[in-house]
Structures are given as structure tokens and as C-alpha cells.
Amino acid sequence: MATGALWGLTFVAPRAVVPFSAVDLAIARYMIFGVASVVLMAWPAFRPRGIGLKPSLVAIALGSAGYIGYFLAAASAVRYAGAAVPPLVIGLLPVALAIIGNWTNADLRWSRLAMPLAMIIAGVLLINVRAVLDAGELTEHNTVLFGIACAYAALAVWIAYGVLNAKAMRDVGGPHPLAWTGLQGVGSGLCQRRP
């Protein structure tokens, strides 16, 4: 429950910190994550020992692009489409990853997944259409549409992150999860510059 509540802050924080922007929030959030990751590397379990240069660079890139790209897209979605639609769109993440996982491993017959997936997709489409119809003027329609597009961009970034991260973790002699997360935290902190 605590994890879900903290995850939900992604959709509340951008509106709660006005006049600060999503970029300001991302800089603060991921600078703290980066610094905490470096500090935690004082403990042996968090040190990236045994992780080669190439996998280390992959982890740093995942931390930079995955965390920051996702957060900026999600925060922009909340800013332009409101706080209700983005969690519903981004909430498709477990479904999307399940489809990708089943596509690669074929654990379930697609016929068993067809009805639940169709219902989820129909629900998301109805919510998005309702949000656009509820927007008053044309300019607001465009703003809501842009916000919905940002929500789908956040979903795409996190799907790519999840697939690439899982692949790296499954590799033979894959990295220790704490050290891998620490390197990603360093990556998220390294690219914090105010544009």
C-alpha cells in the first residue's frame, strides 16, 4: 500500500508544487536519488563490483532515460490532461508487460487473454474520449490531447525501461539488484542540469 501511495505522488506532486515546473521537480527528485545511491555505495552490497564497463553504462543510461524520461512525460501529462487520466493510461503498464512477456514466452493461450485485454482497452479509450469531450474550448481540447499523448509517452518509456532492465537482469551472471539500482540512481542524478 505504501508503494502504491508513493507511486501515486507522481500524479499529485506536479500540481502541488506550482509555480515549480515538472523539470524543477525532476531535478530535485532525481538529484536526491543520485546522491543517495552514491552514499549507499559505502555499503558493500550496493557497490557495483563485478559489473563490467558496458553493463554499468547500460545501467546509467537506463537510470537517466528511464526514470527521468518517464517522470517528465508523466508530470507533463498531469499538467495538461489533469490528474485523473494519466494514471489510467500509465496503469496499463502491467498489462503491456504481460502481453510482451506472453509474446516472448507464450505462457498463456491468447484466447484466454483476449476478453480481459479488450475490456481494459475499451475502458481506457472511454476514459480518454470522456476527458477530451469534457474539455471546454478547442484550445483546451488540444491541451488535453497533448496531455494524453504525454501519458502514452510515459507508458512507452516505462515499457522500454522494463523490457531492457529485465533483459539485463536475466543475462548470464546478471548484476546484483542493489548494485544495479545504485548505478541507475547515479545515472538519474548525473543528467540533472537546468536547461
C-alpha atoms as a PDB file:
ATOM      1  CA  MET A   1       0.000   0.000   0.000  1.00  0.00           C
ATOM      2  CA  ALA A   2       2.834   2.382   0.827  1.00  0.00           C
ATOM      3  CA  THR A   3       4.485   1.691  -2.533  1.00  0.00           C
ATOM      4  CA  GLY A   4       1.219   2.391  -4.362  1.00  0.00           C
ATOM      5  CA  ALA A   5       0.720   5.614  -2.417  1.00  0.00           C
ATOM      6  CA  LEU A   6       4.248   6.801  -3.155  1.00  0.00           C
ATOM      7  CA  TRP A   7       3.841   5.881  -6.837  1.00  0.00           C
ATOM      8  CA  GLY A   8       0.648   7.942  -6.864  1.00  0.00           C
ATOM      9  CA  LEU A   9       2.602  11.023  -5.785  1.00  0.00           C
ATOM     10  CA  THR A  10       3.902  11.169  -9.356  1.00  0.00           C
ATOM     11  CA  PHE A  11       0.446  12.332 -10.380  1.00  0.00           C
ATOM     12  CA  VAL A  12      -0.202  14.676  -7.457  1.00  0.00           C
ATOM     13  CA  ALA A  13       3.178  16.350  -6.989  1.00  0.00           C
ATOM     14  CA  PRO A  14       3.262  18.317 -10.292  1.00  0.00           C
ATOM     15  CA  ARG A  15       0.086  20.156  -9.291  1.00  0.00           C
ATOM     16  CA  ALA A  16       1.065  20.531  -5.647  1.00  0.00           C
ATOM     17  CA  VAL A  17       4.375  22.323  -6.272  1.00  0.00           C
ATOM     18  CA  VAL A  18       3.154  25.109  -8.575  1.00  0.00           C
ATOM     19  CA  PRO A  19       4.820  27.502  -9.517  1.00  0.00           C
ATOM     20  CA  PHE A  20       7.671  24.997  -9.808  1.00  0.00           C
ATOM     21  CA  SER A  21       7.683  23.066 -13.077  1.00  0.00           C
ATOM     22  CA  ALA A  22       7.939  19.342 -13.785  1.00  0.00           C
ATOM     23  CA  VAL A  23      11.584  19.925 -14.707  1.00  0.00           C
ATOM     24  CA  ASP A  24      12.273  21.532 -11.305  1.00  0.00           C
ATOM     25  CA  LEU A  25      10.587  18.609  -9.582  1.00  0.00           C
ATOM     26  CA  ALA A  26      12.524  16.048 -11.649  1.00  0.00           C
ATOM     27  CA  ILE A  27      15.824  17.771 -10.863  1.00  0.00           C
ATOM     28  CA  ALA A  28      15.128  17.708  -7.114  1.00  0.00           C
ATOM     29  CA  ARG A  29      13.732  14.167  -7.094  1.00  0.00           C
ATOM     30  CA  TYR A  30      16.466  12.512  -9.115  1.00  0.00           C
ATOM     31  CA  MET A  31      19.329  14.543  -7.683  1.00  0.00           C
ATOM     32  CA  ILE A  32      18.308  13.169  -4.270  1.00  0.00           C
ATOM     33  CA  PHE A  33      18.088   9.643  -5.743  1.00  0.00           C
ATOM     34  CA  GLY A  34      21.560  10.035  -7.309  1.00  0.00           C
ATOM     35  CA  VAL A  35      23.168  11.357  -4.136  1.00  0.00           C
ATOM     36  CA  ALA A  36      21.504   8.640  -2.023  1.00  0.00           C
ATOM     37  CA  SER A  37      22.770   5.982  -4.460  1.00  0.00           C
ATOM     38  CA  VAL A  38      26.349   7.239  -4.176  1.00  0.00           C
ATOM     39  CA  VAL A  39      26.107   7.395  -0.362  1.00  0.00           C
ATOM     40  CA  LEU A  40      24.671   3.864  -0.178  1.00  0.00           C
ATOM     41  CA  MET A  41      27.653   2.569  -2.169  1.00  0.00           C
ATOM     42  CA  ALA A  42      29.611   2.942   1.077  1.00  0.00           C
ATOM     43  CA  TRP A  43      27.995  -0.406   1.975  1.00  0.00           C
ATOM     44  CA  PRO A  44      29.443  -3.409   0.132  1.00  0.00           C
ATOM     45  CA  ALA A  45      26.026  -4.730  -1.002  1.00  0.00           C
ATOM     46  CA  PHE A  46      25.446  -1.568  -3.026  1.00  0.00           C
ATOM     47  CA  ARG A  47      28.871  -1.447  -4.686  1.00  0.00           C
ATOM     48  CA  PRO A  48      28.878  -2.343  -8.388  1.00  0.00           C
ATOM     49  CA  ARG A  49      31.673  -4.897  -8.065  1.00  0.00           C
ATOM     50  CA  GLY A  50      31.796  -7.452 -10.848  1.00  0.00           C
ATOM     51  CA  ILE A  51      29.713  -5.333 -13.209  1.00  0.00           C
ATOM     52  CA  GLY A  52      31.712  -4.565 -16.345  1.00  0.00           C
ATOM     53  CA  LEU A  53      32.025  -1.199 -18.053  1.00  0.00           C
ATOM     54  CA  LYS A  54      29.403  -1.889 -20.752  1.00  0.00           C
ATOM     55  CA  PRO A  55      26.703  -3.153 -18.325  1.00  0.00           C
ATOM     56  CA  SER A  56      27.494  -0.234 -15.998  1.00  0.00           C
ATOM     57  CA  LEU A  57      26.928   2.218 -18.846  1.00  0.00           C
ATOM     58  CA  VAL A  58      23.660   0.438 -19.693  1.00  0.00           C
ATOM     59  CA  ALA A  59      22.505   0.819 -16.072  1.00  0.00           C
ATOM     60  CA  ILE A  60      23.446   4.509 -16.011  1.00  0.00           C
ATOM     61  CA  ALA A  61      21.640   5.096 -19.322  1.00  0.00           C
ATOM     62  CA  LEU A  62      18.550   3.244 -18.038  1.00  0.00           C
ATOM     63  CA  GLY A  63      18.561   5.435 -14.934  1.00  0.00           C
ATOM     64  CA  SER A  64      18.854   8.607 -16.991  1.00  0.00           C
ATOM     65  CA  ALA A  65      16.400   7.854 -19.779  1.00  0.00           C
ATOM     66  CA  GLY A  66      14.024   5.589 -17.889  1.00  0.00           C
ATOM     67  CA  TYR A  67      13.458   7.437 -14.656  1.00  0.00           C
ATOM     68  CA  ILE A  68      13.767  10.991 -15.913  1.00  0.00           C
ATOM     69  CA  GLY A  69      12.045  10.462 -19.271  1.00  0.00           C
ATOM     70  CA  TYR A  70       9.161   8.682 -17.574  1.00  0.00           C
ATOM     71  CA  PHE A  71       8.750  11.277 -14.849  1.00  0.00           C
ATOM     72  CA  LEU A  72       8.859  14.276 -17.179  1.00  0.00           C
ATOM     73  CA  ALA A  73       6.307  12.683 -19.520  1.00  0.00           C
ATOM     74  CA  ALA A  74       4.031  11.676 -16.609  1.00  0.00           C
ATOM     75  CA  ALA A  75       4.281  15.100 -14.959  1.00  0.00           C
ATOM     76  CA  SER A  76       3.501  16.818 -18.277  1.00  0.00           C
ATOM     77  CA  ALA A  77       0.506  14.513 -18.713  1.00  0.00           C
ATOM     78  CA  VAL A  78      -0.856  15.594 -15.334  1.00  0.00           C
ATOM     79  CA  ARG A  79      -0.239  19.246 -16.096  1.00  0.00           C
ATOM     80  CA  TYR A  80      -2.071  19.196 -19.431  1.00  0.00           C
ATOM     81  CA  ALA A  81      -4.697  16.454 -19.009  1.00  0.00           C
ATOM     82  CA  GLY A  82      -5.402  16.666 -15.275  1.00  0.00           C
ATOM     83  CA  ALA A  83      -4.734  14.142 -12.544  1.00  0.00           C
ATOM     84  CA  ALA A  84      -7.396  11.564 -13.498  1.00  0.00           C
ATOM     85  CA  VAL A  85      -6.426  10.377 -16.998  1.00  0.00           C
ATOM     86  CA  PRO A  86      -2.636   9.796 -16.766  1.00  0.00           C
ATOM     87  CA  PRO A  87      -2.786   7.143 -14.003  1.00  0.00           C
ATOM     88  CA  LEU A  88      -5.358   5.214 -16.041  1.00  0.00           C
ATOM     89  CA  VAL A  89      -3.160   5.260 -19.141  1.00  0.00           C
ATOM     90  CA  ILE A  90       0.074   4.540 -17.307  1.00  0.00           C
ATOM     91  CA  GLY A  91      -1.793   1.914 -15.290  1.00  0.00           C
ATOM     92  CA  LEU A  92      -1.765  -0.155 -18.491  1.00  0.00           C
ATOM     93  CA  LEU A  93       1.906  -0.883 -17.791  1.00  0.00           C
ATOM     94  CA  PRO A  94       1.398  -4.273 -16.094  1.00  0.00           C
ATOM     95  CA  VAL A  95      -0.947  -5.315 -18.905  1.00  0.00           C
ATOM     96  CA  ALA A  96       1.511  -4.220 -21.588  1.00  0.00           C
ATOM     97  CA  LEU A  97       4.398  -6.009 -19.912  1.00  0.00           C
ATOM     98  CA  ALA A  98       2.235  -9.140 -19.519  1.00  0.00           C
ATOM     99  CA  ILE A  99       1.473  -9.059 -23.248  1.00  0.00           C
ATOM    100  CA  ILE A 100       5.138  -8.618 -24.112  1.00  0.00           C
ATOM    101  CA  GLY A 101       6.093 -11.399 -21.693  1.00  0.00           C
ATOM    102  CA  ASN A 102       3.485 -13.752 -23.132  1.00  0.00           C
ATOM    103  CA  TRP A 103       4.574 -12.849 -26.650  1.00  0.00           C
ATOM    104  CA  THR A 104       8.162 -13.842 -25.906  1.00  0.00           C
ATOM    105  CA  ASN A 105       7.464 -16.868 -23.675  1.00  0.00           C
ATOM    106  CA  ALA A 106       3.914 -17.927 -24.710  1.00  0.00           C
ATOM    107  CA  ASP A 107       2.845 -18.958 -21.188  1.00  0.00           C
ATOM    108  CA  LEU A 108      -0.920 -18.496 -21.855  1.00  0.00           C
ATOM    109  CA  ARG A 109      -3.120 -19.015 -24.881  1.00  0.00           C
ATOM    110  CA  TRP A 110      -4.088 -15.694 -26.433  1.00  0.00           C
ATOM    111  CA  SER A 111      -7.724 -16.746 -26.460  1.00  0.00           C
ATOM    112  CA  ARG A 112      -7.674 -16.659 -22.639  1.00  0.00           C
ATOM    113  CA  LEU A 113      -6.294 -13.129 -22.657  1.00  0.00           C
ATOM    114  CA  ALA A 114      -8.491 -11.676 -25.418  1.00  0.00           C
ATOM    115  CA  MET A 115     -11.569 -10.743 -23.356  1.00  0.00           C
ATOM    116  CA  PRO A 116      -9.765  -9.157 -20.371  1.00  0.00           C
ATOM    117  CA  LEU A 117      -7.458  -7.198 -22.689  1.00  0.00           C
ATOM    118  CA  ALA A 118     -10.376  -5.991 -24.821  1.00  0.00           C
ATOM    119  CA  MET A 119     -12.220  -4.778 -21.716  1.00  0.00           C
ATOM    120  CA  ILE A 120      -9.166  -2.920 -20.408  1.00  0.00           C
ATOM    121  CA  ILE A 121      -8.526  -1.247 -23.769  1.00  0.00           C
ATOM    122  CA  ALA A 122     -12.182  -0.269 -24.112  1.00  0.00           C
ATOM    123  CA  GLY A 123     -12.147   1.250 -20.617  1.00  0.00           C
ATOM    124  CA  VAL A 124      -9.034   3.308 -21.313  1.00  0.00           C
ATOM    125  CA  LEU A 125     -10.449   4.545 -24.627  1.00  0.00           C
ATOM    126  CA  LEU A 126     -13.722   5.574 -22.977  1.00  0.00           C
ATOM    127  CA  ILE A 127     -11.896   7.467 -20.230  1.00  0.00           C
ATOM    128  CA  ASN A 128      -9.729   9.301 -22.777  1.00  0.00           C
ATOM    129  CA  VAL A 129     -12.702  10.186 -25.012  1.00  0.00           C
ATOM    130  CA  ARG A 130     -14.651  11.422 -21.975  1.00  0.00           C
ATOM    131  CA  ALA A 131     -11.718  13.617 -20.891  1.00  0.00           C
ATOM    132  CA  VAL A 132     -11.497  15.216 -24.328  1.00  0.00           C
ATOM    133  CA  LEU A 133     -15.283  15.741 -24.521  1.00  0.00           C
ATOM    134  CA  ASP A 134     -15.310  17.307 -21.061  1.00  0.00           C
ATOM    135  CA  ALA A 135     -12.680  19.837 -22.119  1.00  0.00           C
ATOM    136  CA  GLY A 136     -14.465  23.065 -22.979  1.00  0.00           C
ATOM    137  CA  GLU A 137     -12.831  25.114 -25.712  1.00  0.00           C
ATOM    138  CA  LEU A 138     -10.785  23.953 -28.687  1.00  0.00           C
ATOM    139  CA  THR A 139      -7.576  25.137 -27.063  1.00  0.00           C
ATOM    140  CA  GLU A 140      -8.422  23.066 -24.015  1.00  0.00           C
ATOM    141  CA  HIS A 141      -9.178  20.081 -26.253  1.00  0.00           C
ATOM    142  CA  ASN A 142      -5.699  20.434 -27.725  1.00  0.00           C
ATOM    143  CA  THR A 143      -4.211  20.736 -24.251  1.00  0.00           C
ATOM    144  CA  VAL A 144      -5.980  17.595 -23.055  1.00  0.00           C
ATOM    145  CA  LEU A 145      -4.962  15.704 -26.202  1.00  0.00           C
ATOM    146  CA  PHE A 146      -1.347  16.750 -25.609  1.00  0.00           C
ATOM    147  CA  GLY A 147      -1.601  15.585 -22.005  1.00  0.00           C
ATOM    148  CA  ILE A 148      -2.980  12.207 -23.107  1.00  0.00           C
ATOM    149  CA  ALA A 149      -0.135  11.911 -25.637  1.00  0.00           C
ATOM    150  CA  CYS A 150       2.338  12.627 -22.806  1.00  0.00           C
ATOM    151  CA  ALA A 151       0.717   9.867 -20.722  1.00  0.00           C
ATOM    152  CA  TYR A 152       1.186   7.383 -23.561  1.00  0.00           C
ATOM    153  CA  ALA A 153       4.780   8.591 -23.984  1.00  0.00           C
ATOM    154  CA  ALA A 154       5.388   7.899 -20.272  1.00  0.00           C
ATOM    155  CA  LEU A 155       3.876   4.442 -20.733  1.00  0.00           C
ATOM    156  CA  ALA A 156       6.142   3.762 -23.735  1.00  0.00           C
ATOM    157  CA  VAL A 157       9.259   4.928 -21.862  1.00  0.00           C
ATOM    158  CA  TRP A 158       8.481   2.716 -18.854  1.00  0.00           C
ATOM    159  CA  ILE A 159       7.703  -0.305 -21.056  1.00  0.00           C
ATOM    160  CA  ALA A 160      11.054   0.103 -22.831  1.00  0.00           C
ATOM    161  CA  TYR A 161      12.755   0.533 -19.460  1.00  0.00           C
ATOM    162  CA  GLY A 162      11.072  -2.594 -18.063  1.00  0.00           C
ATOM    163  CA  VAL A 163      11.967  -4.757 -21.068  1.00  0.00           C
ATOM    164  CA  LEU A 164      15.600  -3.603 -21.234  1.00  0.00           C
ATOM    165  CA  ASN A 165      16.057  -3.799 -17.467  1.00  0.00           C
ATOM    166  CA  ALA A 166      14.623  -7.339 -17.331  1.00  0.00           C
ATOM    167  CA  LYS A 167      16.896  -8.402 -20.196  1.00  0.00           C
ATOM    168  CA  ALA A 168      19.959  -7.064 -18.391  1.00  0.00           C
ATOM    169  CA  MET A 169      18.956  -8.784 -15.143  1.00  0.00           C
ATOM    170  CA  ARG A 170      18.396 -12.128 -16.925  1.00  0.00           C
ATOM    171  CA  ASP A 171      21.772 -12.168 -18.642  1.00  0.00           C
ATOM    172  CA  VAL A 172      24.143 -14.886 -17.515  1.00  0.00           C
ATOM    173  CA  GLY A 173      25.889 -13.669 -14.390  1.00  0.00           C
ATOM    174  CA  GLY A 174      23.411 -10.786 -14.176  1.00  0.00           C
ATOM    175  CA  PRO A 175      24.135  -7.930 -11.776  1.00  0.00           C
ATOM    176  CA  HIS A 176      23.166  -7.883  -8.116  1.00  0.00           C
ATOM    177  CA  PRO A 177      19.865  -5.948  -7.861  1.00  0.00           C
ATOM    178  CA  LEU A 178      21.087  -3.473  -5.223  1.00  0.00           C
ATOM    179  CA  ALA A 179      24.245  -2.595  -7.143  1.00  0.00           C
ATOM    180  CA  TRP A 180      22.241  -2.358 -10.392  1.00  0.00           C
ATOM    181  CA  THR A 181      19.716   0.001  -8.802  1.00  0.00           C
ATOM    182  CA  GLY A 182      22.559   2.082  -7.366  1.00  0.00           C
ATOM    183  CA  LEU A 183      24.084   2.534 -10.814  1.00  0.00           C
ATOM    184  CA  GLN A 184      20.702   3.557 -12.178  1.00  0.00           C
ATOM    185  CA  GLY A 185      20.390   6.083  -9.352  1.00  0.00           C
ATOM    186  CA  VAL A 186      23.785   7.509 -10.288  1.00  0.00           C
ATOM    187  CA  GLY A 187      22.557   7.776 -13.890  1.00  0.00           C
ATOM    188  CA  SER A 188      19.423   9.617 -12.829  1.00  0.00           C
ATOM    189  CA  GLY A 189      21.491  12.081 -10.795  1.00  0.00           C
ATOM    190  CA  LEU A 190      24.194  12.649 -13.413  1.00  0.00           C
ATOM    191  CA  CYS A 191      21.990  14.310 -16.004  1.00  0.00           C
ATOM    192  CA  GLN A 192      20.414  16.861 -13.660  1.00  0.00           C
ATOM    193  CA  ARG A 193      21.039  20.206 -15.226  1.00  0.00           C
ATOM    194  CA  ARG A 194      18.598  23.047 -15.504  1.00  0.00           C
ATOM    195  CA  PRO A 195      18.059  23.651 -19.256  1.00  0.00           C
END
